[in-house]
N, C-alpha and C. Protein backbone atom coordinates (compact mmCIF):
# COMPACT_ATOMS: atom_id res chain seq x y z
N MET A 1 38.87 -32.40 7.40
CA MET A 1 38.61 -33.85 6.81
C MET A 1 36.69 -34.12 5.56
N ALA A 2 37.00 -34.09 5.03
CA ALA A 2 36.19 -34.57 3.76
C ALA A 2 35.60 -35.43 4.30
N GLN A 3 35.94 -36.50 4.47
CA GLN A 3 35.68 -38.46 4.40
C GLN A 3 34.07 -38.28 5.81
N ALA A 4 34.27 -37.06 6.47
CA ALA A 4 33.58 -36.55 8.18
C ALA A 4 32.44 -35.95 7.78
N MET A 5 31.99 -35.72 6.65
CA MET A 5 31.17 -34.49 5.98
C MET A 5 30.55 -35.59 4.75
N HIS A 6 31.41 -35.91 4.75
CA HIS A 6 30.23 -37.02 3.06
C HIS A 6 30.47 -38.84 3.94
N PRO A 7 29.55 -39.21 4.67
CA PRO A 7 29.86 -40.52 4.99
C PRO A 7 29.53 -42.01 3.72
N LYS A 8 30.42 -42.50 3.10
CA LYS A 8 30.28 -43.37 2.78
C LYS A 8 28.82 -44.24 2.91
N THR A 9 28.38 -44.43 2.07
CA THR A 9 26.39 -45.75 2.67
C THR A 9 26.75 -46.30 1.66
N SER A 10 26.23 -47.54 2.13
CA SER A 10 26.46 -48.80 0.85
C SER A 10 24.58 -48.88 0.22
N GLY A 11 23.77 -48.60 0.34
CA GLY A 11 22.30 -48.02 -0.65
C GLY A 11 22.76 -48.36 -1.98
N GLY A 12 20.93 -48.91 -3.04
CA GLY A 12 21.16 -48.38 -4.33
C GLY A 12 21.57 -49.92 -4.58
N SER A 13 21.67 -49.94 -5.55
CA SER A 13 21.69 -51.01 -6.51
C SER A 13 23.04 -52.23 -6.04
N LEU A 14 23.27 -53.10 -6.01
CA LEU A 14 24.26 -54.75 -6.24
C LEU A 14 25.23 -54.24 -6.86
N PHE A 15 25.24 -53.59 -8.18
CA PHE A 15 26.05 -53.89 -8.73
C PHE A 15 26.70 -51.90 -8.59
N ALA A 16 26.43 -51.26 -8.29
CA ALA A 16 26.16 -49.84 -8.13
C ALA A 16 27.81 -50.01 -6.93
N SER A 17 28.62 -49.39 -7.67
CA SER A 17 29.99 -48.88 -7.17
C SER A 17 29.52 -47.59 -6.00
N ASP A 18 28.83 -46.68 -7.30
CA ASP A 18 28.76 -45.50 -6.45
C ASP A 18 27.81 -44.93 -5.27
N GLY A 19 26.99 -46.66 -4.66
CA GLY A 19 26.15 -46.06 -4.04
C GLY A 19 24.85 -45.49 -4.64
N LYS A 20 24.99 -45.64 -5.54
CA LYS A 20 23.59 -45.15 -6.44
C LYS A 20 22.71 -46.27 -7.24
N SER A 21 21.75 -46.04 -7.27
CA SER A 21 21.11 -46.87 -8.46
C SER A 21 20.98 -46.41 -9.82
N HIS A 22 21.54 -47.65 -10.22
CA HIS A 22 21.58 -47.75 -11.56
C HIS A 22 20.39 -48.81 -13.01
N PRO A 23 18.59 -48.68 -12.36
CA PRO A 23 18.74 -49.86 -13.00
C PRO A 23 18.34 -50.53 -14.29
N LEU A 24 18.45 -48.99 -15.86
CA LEU A 24 18.44 -49.09 -16.97
C LEU A 24 20.19 -49.81 -17.34
N GLN A 25 21.17 -49.30 -16.68
CA GLN A 25 22.48 -49.82 -16.52
C GLN A 25 22.58 -51.17 -16.59
N ASP A 26 22.10 -51.45 -15.43
CA ASP A 26 22.23 -53.39 -14.71
C ASP A 26 21.36 -53.89 -15.66
N GLY A 27 20.29 -53.27 -16.16
CA GLY A 27 19.41 -54.55 -17.15
C GLY A 27 20.25 -54.44 -18.66
N LEU A 28 20.36 -53.44 -19.00
CA LEU A 28 21.09 -53.67 -19.88
C LEU A 28 23.04 -54.61 -19.38
N MET A 29 23.28 -54.39 -18.77
CA MET A 29 24.76 -55.48 -18.25
C MET A 29 23.93 -57.15 -18.36
N ILE A 30 23.15 -57.25 -17.39
CA ILE A 30 22.57 -58.58 -17.52
C ILE A 30 22.20 -59.09 -18.88
N ALA A 31 21.57 -58.52 -19.53
CA ALA A 31 20.90 -58.74 -20.67
C ALA A 31 22.08 -59.13 -21.61
N THR A 32 23.42 -58.22 -22.05
CA THR A 32 24.80 -58.48 -22.28
C THR A 32 25.28 -59.11 -21.67
N LEU A 33 25.43 -60.19 -20.78
CA LEU A 33 25.70 -61.05 -20.25
C LEU A 33 24.68 -62.21 -20.65
N ALA A 34 23.75 -62.11 -20.12
CA ALA A 34 22.61 -63.32 -20.59
C ALA A 34 22.90 -63.46 -21.96
N LEU A 35 23.31 -62.80 -22.58
CA LEU A 35 22.54 -62.88 -23.91
C LEU A 35 24.36 -63.78 -24.91
N GLY A 36 25.81 -63.28 -24.51
CA GLY A 36 27.00 -63.57 -24.52
C GLY A 36 26.90 -65.52 -23.86
N ILE A 37 26.98 -65.07 -22.91
CA ILE A 37 26.60 -66.31 -22.36
C ILE A 37 25.71 -67.53 -23.02
N PHE A 38 24.50 -67.38 -23.63
CA PHE A 38 24.21 -68.23 -24.67
C PHE A 38 24.46 -68.02 -25.97
N ALA A 39 25.34 -66.87 -26.78
CA ALA A 39 26.01 -67.21 -28.08
C ALA A 39 27.37 -67.66 -27.65
N PHE A 40 27.73 -68.16 -26.73
CA PHE A 40 28.90 -68.51 -26.24
C PHE A 40 29.11 -70.34 -26.38
N VAL A 41 27.94 -70.64 -25.76
CA VAL A 41 27.50 -71.86 -25.59
C VAL A 41 27.16 -72.51 -26.55
N THR A 42 26.17 -72.01 -26.93
CA THR A 42 25.71 -72.62 -28.46
C THR A 42 26.44 -72.47 -29.98
N CYS A 43 27.95 -71.12 -29.84
CA CYS A 43 29.00 -71.55 -30.51
C CYS A 43 29.08 -71.98 -31.02
N TRP A 44 29.26 -73.13 -30.08
CA TRP A 44 30.21 -75.15 -30.50
C TRP A 44 28.79 -75.77 -30.47
N PHE A 45 28.08 -76.10 -31.46
CA PHE A 45 27.02 -76.61 -32.04
C PHE A 45 26.81 -76.15 -33.14
N HIS A 46 26.91 -76.89 -34.07
CA HIS A 46 27.35 -76.23 -35.97
C HIS A 46 25.85 -75.88 -36.29
N GLY A 47 24.98 -76.72 -35.53
CA GLY A 47 23.29 -77.49 -36.18
C GLY A 47 22.73 -75.74 -35.71
N LEU A 48 23.60 -74.84 -34.27
CA LEU A 48 22.68 -73.90 -33.77
C LEU A 48 23.80 -72.75 -34.34
N SER A 49 23.94 -72.14 -35.12
CA SER A 49 24.75 -71.31 -35.99
C SER A 49 23.80 -69.48 -36.48
N LEU A 50 22.50 -70.16 -36.60
CA LEU A 50 21.41 -69.45 -36.97
C LEU A 50 21.27 -68.70 -35.66
N ALA A 51 20.95 -69.43 -35.50
CA ALA A 51 20.83 -68.91 -32.98
C ALA A 51 22.00 -68.03 -32.86
N THR A 52 23.20 -69.00 -33.35
CA THR A 52 24.05 -68.06 -32.46
C THR A 52 24.88 -66.97 -33.13
N SER A 53 24.62 -67.03 -33.97
CA SER A 53 24.96 -65.59 -35.00
C SER A 53 23.61 -63.88 -34.71
N TRP A 54 23.01 -64.60 -34.41
CA TRP A 54 21.93 -63.64 -33.88
C TRP A 54 21.72 -63.07 -32.85
N VAL A 55 21.83 -64.44 -31.83
CA VAL A 55 22.19 -64.00 -30.07
C VAL A 55 23.07 -62.86 -30.71
N GLY A 56 24.56 -63.59 -30.67
CA GLY A 56 25.67 -63.01 -30.99
C GLY A 56 25.99 -61.44 -31.51
N LEU A 57 25.06 -60.96 -31.81
CA LEU A 57 24.51 -59.68 -32.63
C LEU A 57 23.74 -58.65 -32.19
N ILE A 58 22.75 -59.47 -31.50
CA ILE A 58 21.74 -58.94 -30.78
C ILE A 58 22.83 -58.26 -29.31
N GLY A 59 23.88 -59.49 -29.15
CA GLY A 59 24.57 -58.76 -27.41
C GLY A 59 25.81 -57.91 -27.53
N ILE A 60 26.31 -57.73 -28.68
CA ILE A 60 27.20 -57.00 -29.23
C ILE A 60 26.67 -55.18 -29.86
N LEU A 61 25.41 -55.40 -29.74
CA LEU A 61 24.48 -53.93 -30.17
C LEU A 61 24.12 -53.61 -28.86
N VAL A 62 23.45 -54.56 -28.11
CA VAL A 62 22.73 -54.08 -26.66
C VAL A 62 24.29 -53.61 -25.85
N GLY A 63 25.50 -54.38 -25.91
CA GLY A 63 26.70 -54.52 -24.86
C GLY A 63 27.00 -53.37 -25.25
N ALA A 64 27.07 -52.66 -26.61
CA ALA A 64 27.57 -51.35 -27.48
C ALA A 64 26.76 -50.49 -26.16
N TYR A 65 25.50 -50.42 -26.19
CA TYR A 65 24.83 -49.40 -25.74
C TYR A 65 25.40 -48.71 -24.00
N ALA A 66 25.01 -50.67 -23.80
CA ALA A 66 25.16 -50.48 -22.47
C ALA A 66 26.71 -50.19 -21.87
N GLN A 67 27.72 -50.19 -22.92
CA GLN A 67 29.09 -49.87 -22.91
C GLN A 67 28.83 -47.89 -23.06
N TYR A 68 28.50 -47.45 -23.29
CA TYR A 68 27.88 -45.54 -23.93
C TYR A 68 27.31 -45.58 -22.82
N ILE A 69 26.09 -45.84 -22.18
CA ILE A 69 26.01 -45.08 -21.23
C ILE A 69 26.38 -46.08 -20.00
N SER A 70 26.79 -46.81 -19.20
CA SER A 70 27.43 -47.25 -18.03
C SER A 70 27.99 -46.20 -17.20
N VAL A 71 27.74 -46.31 -16.13
CA VAL A 71 28.14 -44.87 -15.28
C VAL A 71 29.57 -45.73 -13.76
N THR A 72 28.97 -46.79 -13.75
CA THR A 72 30.42 -47.52 -12.44
C THR A 72 31.24 -48.15 -13.25
N THR A 73 32.55 -48.71 -12.71
CA THR A 73 33.21 -49.60 -13.45
C THR A 73 32.92 -50.95 -13.13
N ARG A 74 32.47 -51.25 -12.16
CA ARG A 74 31.85 -53.12 -12.14
C ARG A 74 30.60 -53.25 -13.77
N GLU A 75 30.01 -51.76 -13.72
CA GLU A 75 28.93 -52.37 -14.69
C GLU A 75 29.90 -52.52 -15.99
N ARG A 76 30.73 -51.81 -16.49
CA ARG A 76 31.79 -52.07 -17.77
C ARG A 76 32.14 -53.08 -17.61
N PHE A 77 32.91 -53.94 -16.39
CA PHE A 77 33.73 -54.77 -16.60
C PHE A 77 32.63 -55.79 -16.96
N LEU A 78 31.43 -56.48 -16.65
CA LEU A 78 31.07 -56.79 -16.29
C LEU A 78 30.29 -56.84 -17.93
N THR A 79 30.07 -55.66 -18.63
CA THR A 79 29.36 -55.17 -19.94
C THR A 79 30.77 -56.00 -21.15
N ILE A 80 32.27 -55.46 -20.51
CA ILE A 80 32.75 -55.96 -21.48
C ILE A 80 33.26 -57.67 -21.72
N LEU A 81 32.50 -58.07 -20.45
CA LEU A 81 32.94 -60.01 -21.04
C LEU A 81 31.44 -60.36 -21.15
N GLY A 82 30.25 -59.75 -21.21
CA GLY A 82 29.46 -60.19 -22.09
C GLY A 82 29.75 -59.85 -23.26
N LEU A 83 30.46 -58.20 -23.51
CA LEU A 83 30.33 -58.14 -25.44
C LEU A 83 31.43 -58.99 -25.45
N GLY A 84 32.15 -59.57 -24.72
CA GLY A 84 33.52 -60.30 -25.44
C GLY A 84 32.96 -62.30 -25.99
N ALA A 85 31.74 -62.43 -24.62
CA ALA A 85 31.28 -63.91 -25.36
C ALA A 85 30.41 -63.35 -26.83
N SER A 86 30.09 -61.94 -26.27
CA SER A 86 28.77 -62.57 -27.94
C SER A 86 29.69 -62.44 -28.86
N ALA A 87 30.67 -61.71 -28.73
CA ALA A 87 31.27 -62.06 -30.00
C ALA A 87 31.94 -63.16 -30.54
N VAL A 88 32.36 -63.48 -29.78
CA VAL A 88 32.68 -64.87 -30.04
C VAL A 88 31.82 -65.77 -30.21
N GLY A 89 30.87 -65.73 -30.01
CA GLY A 89 29.89 -66.61 -30.11
C GLY A 89 29.41 -65.96 -31.74
N PHE A 90 28.94 -65.08 -31.80
CA PHE A 90 28.70 -63.95 -33.47
C PHE A 90 30.09 -65.07 -33.95
N PHE A 91 31.53 -64.68 -34.57
CA PHE A 91 31.50 -65.09 -35.13
C PHE A 91 32.17 -65.62 -35.65
N LEU A 92 31.85 -67.41 -34.22
CA LEU A 92 31.56 -68.18 -35.08
C LEU A 92 30.63 -69.24 -34.92
N GLY A 93 29.57 -68.67 -35.36
CA GLY A 93 28.02 -68.21 -36.14
C GLY A 93 27.79 -68.40 -37.44
N MET A 94 29.12 -66.77 -37.46
CA MET A 94 28.78 -66.80 -38.90
C MET A 94 30.17 -67.66 -39.83
N ALA A 95 31.12 -68.20 -39.02
CA ALA A 95 31.75 -68.80 -39.87
C ALA A 95 31.03 -69.50 -39.71
N HIS A 96 30.43 -70.99 -39.23
CA HIS A 96 29.67 -71.84 -39.16
C HIS A 96 28.18 -71.86 -40.06
N GLY A 97 27.61 -70.81 -40.52
CA GLY A 97 27.14 -70.70 -41.73
C GLY A 97 26.34 -69.17 -41.82
N GLY A 98 26.34 -68.28 -40.44
CA GLY A 98 26.13 -67.31 -40.77
C GLY A 98 24.68 -66.90 -40.58
N LEU A 99 24.10 -65.61 -40.29
CA LEU A 99 22.94 -65.30 -40.62
C LEU A 99 21.73 -65.86 -41.01
N PHE A 100 21.94 -65.85 -42.37
CA PHE A 100 20.65 -66.30 -43.36
C PHE A 100 21.30 -68.08 -43.95
N THR A 101 21.17 -68.74 -42.71
CA THR A 101 21.86 -70.65 -43.59
C THR A 101 20.41 -70.65 -44.61
N THR A 102 20.82 -71.37 -45.59
CA THR A 102 20.45 -71.42 -46.48
C THR A 102 19.96 -73.24 -47.04
């Protein structure tokens, strides 16, 4: 019985499902979620299209890198949620004025 030789331990990071600590991946995941939430909330205000589009673009770039180096399924899932919110904010910000409003 292999399970008896390697018992499951619940130490490590809150978001690590493999029992190991992943501080860089968790930090990027949280940053992607925060940027995505900000971009999603501000995309509904036409006057904030400049901030929305830039924050959405940064959220997409940070989320893409976080997805590239992610280790656990939980990190990937929450990063995808942040990426989706960032993308919605970015595209609606682009539709309402873009990155360089004049």
